[in-house]
Structure formats: C-alpha cells, structure tokens
C-alpha cells in the first residue's frame, strides 16, 4: 500500500503535465488503454487467462471506480484543489462507516469483527489530511462539495469490491485488466461528451504513457494490498499519498512548510504506524474493544 501511494502521487504529477494537451476524459481513456495492454501482455507471458467466472463483480468494481474518478474530476473543476482532494480522501471514512453499518450488499467477503483501534487510526489519518490540505468551500460550491463526497463514497465501494474479488480468487492482473477496460470505456464516453479528441504531441504522448504505466503498477500494488490485507489497515496507509504529494510540492514547486502541515503529516504517519502494528493478529486479539462485523 505504501508503494501504491507513492506511485499514485508520482502519477498525479504526470497527469498535471498531460492536462496541458488533453482533456480529463482523454487522460482516463489512455490510462485505461495502457493498463489493459500491460495486463494482457503480462497475463500471456505468465501463461494465465483473462477469463473470469465473476463478471458481475468486475463490472461493479469498474463502475464504482470510474464513477469515483469522474466525480472527483468534476469536484476538482468546481472546488479549490485542497478541498476536492480532502473530500476524495474521505473514502477510508466511508469504508469504516460501511463496515460498521454492516453493509453486506457490497459483498466484501470479509466477515468478522472490526477493531475500534483501526477505526480510530482511520479518523486520525483523516485529521492529518485536513491539517495538511486545510480545505475551504464557499456557499456557491455546495454542488461540487456533494460530488466530492460522493467520489469518496464510490472510491470506498470500489476498494471493497477489490477485496471481494480477492475473496473470489481473482488474480491481481485480471482485476486490474477489467478495471482498465472500464476506465477506457468511461474515459472515451467523457471525451465524446466534453471536448472531443486532441492531436498528439511528443510531450503529451510521453506524459500519457507515464500516467498509464504508473497508474497500472499502482493499481497492481493496491489490488494486492486489498486482496491480502485488512481493509482498514490499507485505508489508514492510503493517507500516505498526501504526504508524498506534499513532499513533491516542497521539493519541486517550493511549497511552504508550515507547523500545521507538519502536524498533519505526523498524524498521518502515526495512523499508518498504528494500523500496521494492529495488522498483527495478536495485537488485534489483545484489543477487546471491537465492533461487530457483517456477513460476507
């Protein structure tokens, strides 16, 4: 999960470069195309197959993931960037609430009990995100704020679908392949409904390729994390993406370092360390303060 957050943060820099030549839909489309080709080649080299016995699960994962992406991009266009990012990073909060609410309709395949300490780590990490980004929103931006909230909710549902696919025995490459297909389809639809297609440039092509490769590798790591690990542990570690983005801003764009941002990164690191320690079975067994889980 740590590796996935680093790759996603690096991908964001490439998205910023690509956005000077291409629309959001085009970037999503080419990201999906590169990912699908990479996974098809990798699967063939490993002697595997892309055939699946659970197409409905893949469809739901792609639908929720692409919907989250589209809603987030809309929020970015309507809100200050820090606010849009903060709302999207509410996905771990939504995940914790869905788990605590017993949302068996999402089919996570994870029965059992949810540690109260893991839930506390998720909320602590989100407090750190707020400190780093310091979001703000005007009254006339309420629709954008609602879209941002929904983007976080759909992201949480997508991550839980990844966990469900892992429980169904789907390999990481197959999960990423079908999500890439869904991204390409969703991106093409967005491009056709918005600004259409733009001519390629050398810089643009390199940026698109970088976005696709980084996103695909990050998706592989994220899929492995959610397939094999505890969802709330991964949710807490996911906040590290904010830390990487902040460090990139300081090193590459001379962003200021404030006391509040340092406090926020400390909270995010504390949440991640706590969640990682609680990942150990004996640590969770020692904690009797747990919430009931839900049927898988």
Protein backbone atom coordinates (compact mmCIF):
# COMPACT_ATOMS: atom_id res chain seq x y z
CA UNK A 1 0.00 0.00 0.00
CA UNK A 2 2.91 2.34 0.73
CA UNK A 3 4.32 1.66 -2.73
CA UNK A 4 0.91 2.22 -4.33
CA UNK A 5 0.51 5.64 -2.68
CA UNK A 6 3.96 6.71 -3.88
CA UNK A 7 3.23 5.65 -7.46
CA UNK A 8 -0.18 7.35 -7.44
CA UNK A 9 1.39 10.59 -6.18
CA UNK A 10 4.01 10.42 -8.95
CA UNK A 11 1.26 9.72 -11.46
CA UNK A 12 -0.52 12.90 -10.36
CA UNK A 13 2.49 14.94 -11.48
CA UNK A 14 2.29 13.31 -14.91
CA UNK A 15 -1.47 13.99 -15.06
CA UNK A 16 -0.68 17.66 -14.47
CA UNK A 17 1.71 17.58 -17.45
CA UNK A 18 -0.74 15.70 -19.67
CA UNK A 19 -3.61 18.05 -18.81
CA UNK A 20 -1.98 20.84 -20.83
CA UNK A 21 -2.59 18.84 -24.04
CA UNK A 22 -5.54 16.56 -23.26
CA UNK A 23 -8.95 16.63 -21.57
CA UNK A 24 -9.78 14.65 -18.45
CA UNK A 25 -11.69 12.03 -20.45
CA UNK A 26 -8.77 11.51 -22.81
CA UNK A 27 -6.34 11.02 -19.93
CA UNK A 28 -8.65 8.48 -18.29
CA UNK A 29 -9.10 6.71 -21.65
CA UNK A 30 -5.39 6.40 -22.45
CA UNK A 31 -4.63 5.41 -18.88
CA UNK A 32 -7.09 2.54 -19.29
CA UNK A 33 -5.73 1.51 -22.70
CA UNK A 34 -2.14 1.36 -21.44
CA UNK A 35 -3.23 -0.61 -18.38
CA UNK A 36 -5.25 -3.13 -20.38
CA UNK A 37 -2.36 -3.74 -22.81
CA UNK A 38 0.14 -4.14 -19.97
CA UNK A 39 -2.07 -6.65 -18.13
CA UNK A 40 -2.90 -8.61 -21.29
CA UNK A 41 0.81 -8.97 -22.13
CA UNK A 42 1.72 -9.85 -18.53
CA UNK A 43 -1.03 -12.46 -18.28
CA UNK A 44 0.01 -14.04 -21.56
CA UNK A 45 3.67 -14.15 -20.51
CA UNK A 46 2.73 -15.84 -17.24
CA UNK A 47 0.55 -18.37 -19.04
CA UNK A 48 -2.60 -17.17 -17.33
CA UNK A 49 -6.05 -16.33 -18.63
CA UNK A 50 -8.26 -13.25 -18.58
CA UNK A 51 -11.42 -15.35 -18.47
CA UNK A 52 -13.43 -14.74 -15.31
CA UNK A 53 -16.26 -16.55 -13.56
CA UNK A 54 -17.36 -13.39 -11.73
CA UNK A 55 -18.02 -10.77 -14.44
CA UNK A 56 -20.64 -9.04 -12.27
CA UNK A 57 -18.05 -8.31 -9.56
CA UNK A 58 -15.64 -6.87 -12.14
CA UNK A 59 -18.44 -4.74 -13.59
CA UNK A 60 -19.34 -3.34 -10.16
CA UNK A 61 -15.70 -2.64 -9.35
CA UNK A 62 -15.22 -0.83 -12.68
CA UNK A 63 -18.50 1.07 -12.38
CA UNK A 64 -17.77 2.35 -8.87
CA UNK A 65 -14.11 3.09 -9.64
CA UNK A 66 -14.76 5.03 -12.84
CA UNK A 67 -17.70 6.84 -11.24
CA UNK A 68 -15.46 7.91 -8.36
CA UNK A 69 -12.85 9.17 -10.80
CA UNK A 70 -15.39 11.16 -12.85
CA UNK A 71 -17.00 12.71 -9.76
CA UNK A 72 -13.58 13.63 -8.37
CA UNK A 73 -12.53 15.35 -11.56
CA UNK A 74 -15.81 17.30 -11.52
CA UNK A 75 -15.13 18.33 -7.92
CA UNK A 76 -11.61 19.43 -8.88
CA UNK A 77 -13.10 21.71 -11.54
CA UNK A 78 -15.62 23.24 -9.11
CA UNK A 79 -13.68 23.45 -5.83
CA UNK A 80 -10.28 24.53 -4.54
CA UNK A 81 -7.87 21.66 -5.19
CA UNK A 82 -7.17 21.05 -1.48
CA UNK A 83 -10.89 20.76 -0.76
CA UNK A 84 -11.52 18.35 -3.64
CA UNK A 85 -8.59 16.13 -2.61
CA UNK A 86 -9.75 16.13 1.03
CA UNK A 87 -13.27 15.08 0.09
CA UNK A 88 -11.94 12.27 -2.12
CA UNK A 89 -9.70 11.11 0.73
CA UNK A 90 -12.81 10.58 2.84
CA UNK A 91 -13.02 7.13 1.21
CA UNK A 92 -11.43 5.43 4.26
CA UNK A 93 -14.00 7.17 6.48
CA UNK A 94 -16.81 5.90 4.26
CA UNK A 95 -15.23 2.44 4.32
CA UNK A 96 -15.16 2.42 8.12
CA UNK A 97 -18.79 3.59 8.28
CA UNK A 98 -19.91 0.98 5.75
CA UNK A 99 -18.14 -1.77 7.68
CA UNK A 100 -19.57 -0.62 10.98
CA UNK A 101 -23.02 -0.35 9.41
CA UNK A 102 -22.91 -3.96 8.29
CA UNK A 103 -23.18 -3.24 4.55
CA UNK A 104 -23.29 -6.82 3.30
CA UNK A 105 -24.70 -5.63 -0.06
CA UNK A 106 -21.17 -4.60 -1.07
CA UNK A 107 -20.09 -8.23 -0.86
CA UNK A 108 -16.63 -7.72 0.62
CA UNK A 109 -16.33 -11.34 1.63
CA UNK A 110 -14.76 -10.25 4.91
CA UNK A 111 -16.70 -11.49 7.90
CA UNK A 112 -15.56 -10.96 11.42
CA UNK A 113 -15.06 -8.05 13.77
CA UNK A 114 -13.76 -4.57 13.09
CA UNK A 115 -11.17 -3.24 15.54
CA UNK A 116 -12.12 0.04 17.20
CA UNK A 117 -8.42 0.97 17.19
CA UNK A 118 -8.28 0.58 13.41
CA UNK A 119 -11.32 2.83 13.06
CA UNK A 120 -9.60 5.38 15.32
CA UNK A 121 -6.47 5.17 13.14
CA UNK A 122 -8.57 5.92 10.04
CA UNK A 123 -10.10 9.02 11.62
CA UNK A 124 -6.71 10.15 12.95
CA UNK A 125 -5.22 9.88 9.47
CA UNK A 126 -8.07 11.93 8.02
CA UNK A 127 -7.50 14.61 10.66
CA UNK A 128 -3.91 14.75 9.39
CA UNK A 129 -5.16 15.16 5.81
CA UNK A 130 -7.29 18.14 6.89
CA UNK A 131 -4.29 19.72 8.65
CA UNK A 132 -2.07 19.36 5.58
CA UNK A 133 -4.61 20.49 2.97
CA UNK A 134 -6.64 22.98 5.07
CA UNK A 135 -9.73 22.77 2.82
CA UNK A 136 -12.29 25.56 2.40
CA UNK A 137 -15.54 25.85 0.47
CA UNK A 138 -17.85 28.74 -0.44
CA UNK A 139 -21.65 28.61 -0.41
CA UNK A 140 -21.90 28.53 -4.18
CA UNK A 141 -19.69 25.42 -4.29
CA UNK A 142 -22.07 23.09 -2.46
CA UNK A 143 -22.81 21.00 -5.57
CA UNK A 144 -19.09 20.48 -6.15
CA UNK A 145 -18.74 19.55 -2.48
CA UNK A 146 -21.53 16.98 -2.80
CA UNK A 147 -19.83 15.48 -5.86
CA UNK A 148 -16.57 15.32 -3.93
CA UNK A 149 -18.27 13.49 -1.05
CA UNK A 150 -19.82 11.03 -3.48
CA UNK A 151 -16.44 10.46 -5.14
CA UNK A 152 -15.06 9.33 -1.79
CA UNK A 153 -18.06 7.06 -1.21
CA UNK A 154 -17.72 5.42 -4.63
CA UNK A 155 -13.96 5.01 -4.07
CA UNK A 156 -14.66 3.20 -0.80
CA UNK A 157 -17.14 0.91 -2.57
CA UNK A 158 -14.57 0.23 -5.31
CA UNK A 159 -11.89 -0.76 -2.78
CA UNK A 160 -14.35 -3.07 -1.05
CA UNK A 161 -15.15 -4.66 -4.42
CA UNK A 162 -11.41 -5.28 -4.89
CA UNK A 163 -11.43 -7.12 -1.57
CA UNK A 164 -14.45 -9.12 -2.76
CA UNK A 165 -12.64 -10.06 -5.97
CA UNK A 166 -9.68 -11.25 -3.90
CA UNK A 167 -12.03 -13.36 -1.84
CA UNK A 168 -13.38 -14.85 -5.08
CA UNK A 169 -9.86 -15.93 -6.05
CA UNK A 170 -9.34 -13.45 -8.88
CA UNK A 171 -5.61 -12.74 -9.55
CA UNK A 172 -4.34 -9.16 -9.34
CA UNK A 173 -3.63 -8.84 -13.06
CA UNK A 174 -7.14 -9.86 -14.05
CA UNK A 175 -8.69 -7.37 -11.62
CA UNK A 176 -6.54 -4.54 -12.98
CA UNK A 177 -7.23 -5.60 -16.59
CA UNK A 178 -11.01 -5.34 -16.28
CA UNK A 179 -10.76 -2.07 -14.36
CA UNK A 180 -8.54 -0.71 -17.13
CA UNK A 181 -11.15 -1.74 -19.71
CA UNK A 182 -13.80 0.06 -17.67
CA UNK A 183 -11.59 3.15 -17.38
CA UNK A 184 -11.02 3.23 -21.14
CA UNK A 185 -14.75 2.96 -21.81
CA UNK A 186 -15.63 5.62 -19.25
CA UNK A 187 -12.87 7.93 -20.46
CA UNK A 188 -13.96 7.61 -24.07
CA UNK A 189 -17.53 8.49 -23.09
CA UNK A 190 -16.34 11.54 -21.12
CA UNK A 191 -14.17 12.68 -24.02
CA UNK A 192 -17.00 12.40 -26.54
CA UNK A 193 -19.43 14.28 -24.28
CA UNK A 194 -16.92 17.03 -23.45
CA UNK A 195 -14.09 18.45 -25.54
CA UNK A 196 -13.60 15.61 -28.00
CA UNK A 197 -10.15 14.36 -29.00
CA UNK A 198 -6.95 16.38 -29.33
CA UNK A 199 -3.95 15.88 -31.60
CA UNK A 200 -0.92 14.22 -30.01
CA UNK A 201 2.36 15.94 -29.19
CA UNK A 202 5.66 14.32 -28.25
CA UNK A 203 5.47 15.66 -24.69
CA UNK A 204 1.83 14.68 -24.44
CA UNK A 205 2.47 11.11 -25.55
CA UNK A 206 5.26 10.65 -23.01
CA UNK A 207 3.03 12.09 -20.26
CA UNK A 208 0.15 9.77 -21.22
CA UNK A 209 2.47 6.75 -21.27
CA UNK A 210 3.86 7.67 -17.85
CA UNK A 211 0.34 8.10 -16.45
CA UNK A 212 -0.71 4.71 -17.80
CA UNK A 213 2.36 2.80 -16.59
CA UNK A 214 2.43 4.39 -13.13
CA UNK A 215 -1.32 4.00 -12.65
CA UNK A 216 -1.22 0.34 -13.70
CA UNK A 217 1.69 -0.53 -11.39
CA UNK A 218 0.00 1.36 -8.56
CA UNK A 219 -3.28 -0.48 -9.22
CA UNK A 220 -1.45 -3.81 -9.07
CA UNK A 221 0.03 -2.95 -5.68
CA UNK A 222 -3.26 -1.56 -4.39
CA UNK A 223 -5.14 -4.65 -5.58
CA UNK A 224 -2.64 -6.93 -3.86
CA UNK A 225 -2.94 -4.88 -0.66
CA UNK A 226 -6.74 -5.02 -0.56
CA UNK A 227 -6.82 -8.66 -1.68
CA UNK A 228 -4.49 -9.92 1.05
CA UNK A 229 -4.68 -7.34 3.83
CA UNK A 230 -7.09 -5.76 6.28
CA UNK A 231 -9.23 -3.10 4.60
CA UNK A 232 -8.97 -0.54 7.42
CA UNK A 233 -5.21 -1.02 7.71
CA UNK A 234 -4.91 -0.27 4.00
CA UNK A 235 -7.28 2.67 4.39
CA UNK A 236 -5.03 4.20 7.05
CA UNK A 237 -1.90 3.69 4.96
CA UNK A 238 -3.66 5.20 1.96
CA UNK A 239 -3.35 8.66 3.53
CA UNK A 240 0.40 8.49 2.87
CA UNK A 241 -0.46 9.67 -0.64
CA UNK A 242 -0.97 13.13 0.84
CA UNK A 243 2.49 13.02 2.42
CA UNK A 244 4.15 12.08 -0.89
CA UNK A 245 2.24 14.81 -2.74
CA UNK A 246 3.22 17.37 -0.09
CA UNK A 247 6.89 16.38 -0.32
CA UNK A 248 6.76 16.65 -4.12
CA UNK A 249 5.28 20.12 -3.73
CA UNK A 250 8.05 21.21 -1.38
CA UNK A 251 10.88 19.72 -3.46
CA UNK A 252 9.64 20.61 -6.95
CA UNK A 253 7.39 23.63 -6.54
CA UNK A 254 8.80 25.33 -3.42
CA UNK A 255 5.55 24.91 -1.47
CA UNK A 256 5.82 26.31 2.08
CA UNK A 257 6.26 24.07 5.13
CA UNK A 258 4.01 25.16 7.99
CA UNK A 259 3.55 23.97 11.56
CA UNK A 260 0.05 22.75 10.72
CA UNK A 261 1.26 20.75 7.72
CA UNK A 262 3.99 19.10 9.82
CA UNK A 263 1.37 18.26 12.46
CA UNK A 264 -0.86 16.78 9.76
CA UNK A 265 1.92 14.59 8.32
CA UNK A 266 2.77 13.43 11.84
CA UNK A 267 -0.85 12.37 12.40
CA UNK A 268 -0.88 10.53 9.07
CA UNK A 269 2.37 8.73 9.94
CA UNK A 270 1.02 7.88 13.42
CA UNK A 271 -2.16 6.46 11.90
CA UNK A 272 -0.18 4.36 9.43
CA UNK A 273 2.20 3.00 12.07
CA UNK A 274 -0.67 2.20 14.43
CA UNK A 275 -2.62 0.43 11.69
CA UNK A 276 0.46 -1.56 10.63
CA UNK A 277 1.02 -2.73 14.20
CA UNK A 278 -2.63 -3.67 14.57
CA UNK A 279 -2.28 -5.75 11.41
CA UNK A 280 -0.58 -8.38 13.55
CA UNK A 281 -3.19 -10.94 14.65
CA UNK A 282 -2.03 -10.98 18.29
CA UNK A 283 -2.34 -7.20 18.50
CA UNK A 284 -5.94 -7.33 17.31
CA UNK A 285 -6.79 -10.22 19.60
CA UNK A 286 -5.49 -8.25 22.59
CA UNK A 287 -7.94 -5.47 21.76
CA UNK A 288 -11.35 -6.47 23.09
CA UNK A 289 -12.94 -3.17 22.13
CA UNK A 290 -14.21 -4.21 18.71
CA UNK A 291 -17.27 -3.60 16.63
CA UNK A 292 -19.31 -6.44 15.14
CA UNK A 293 -18.64 -7.16 11.51
CA UNK A 294 -21.12 -8.15 8.80
CA UNK A 295 -21.93 -11.23 6.75
CA UNK A 296 -19.79 -11.66 3.64
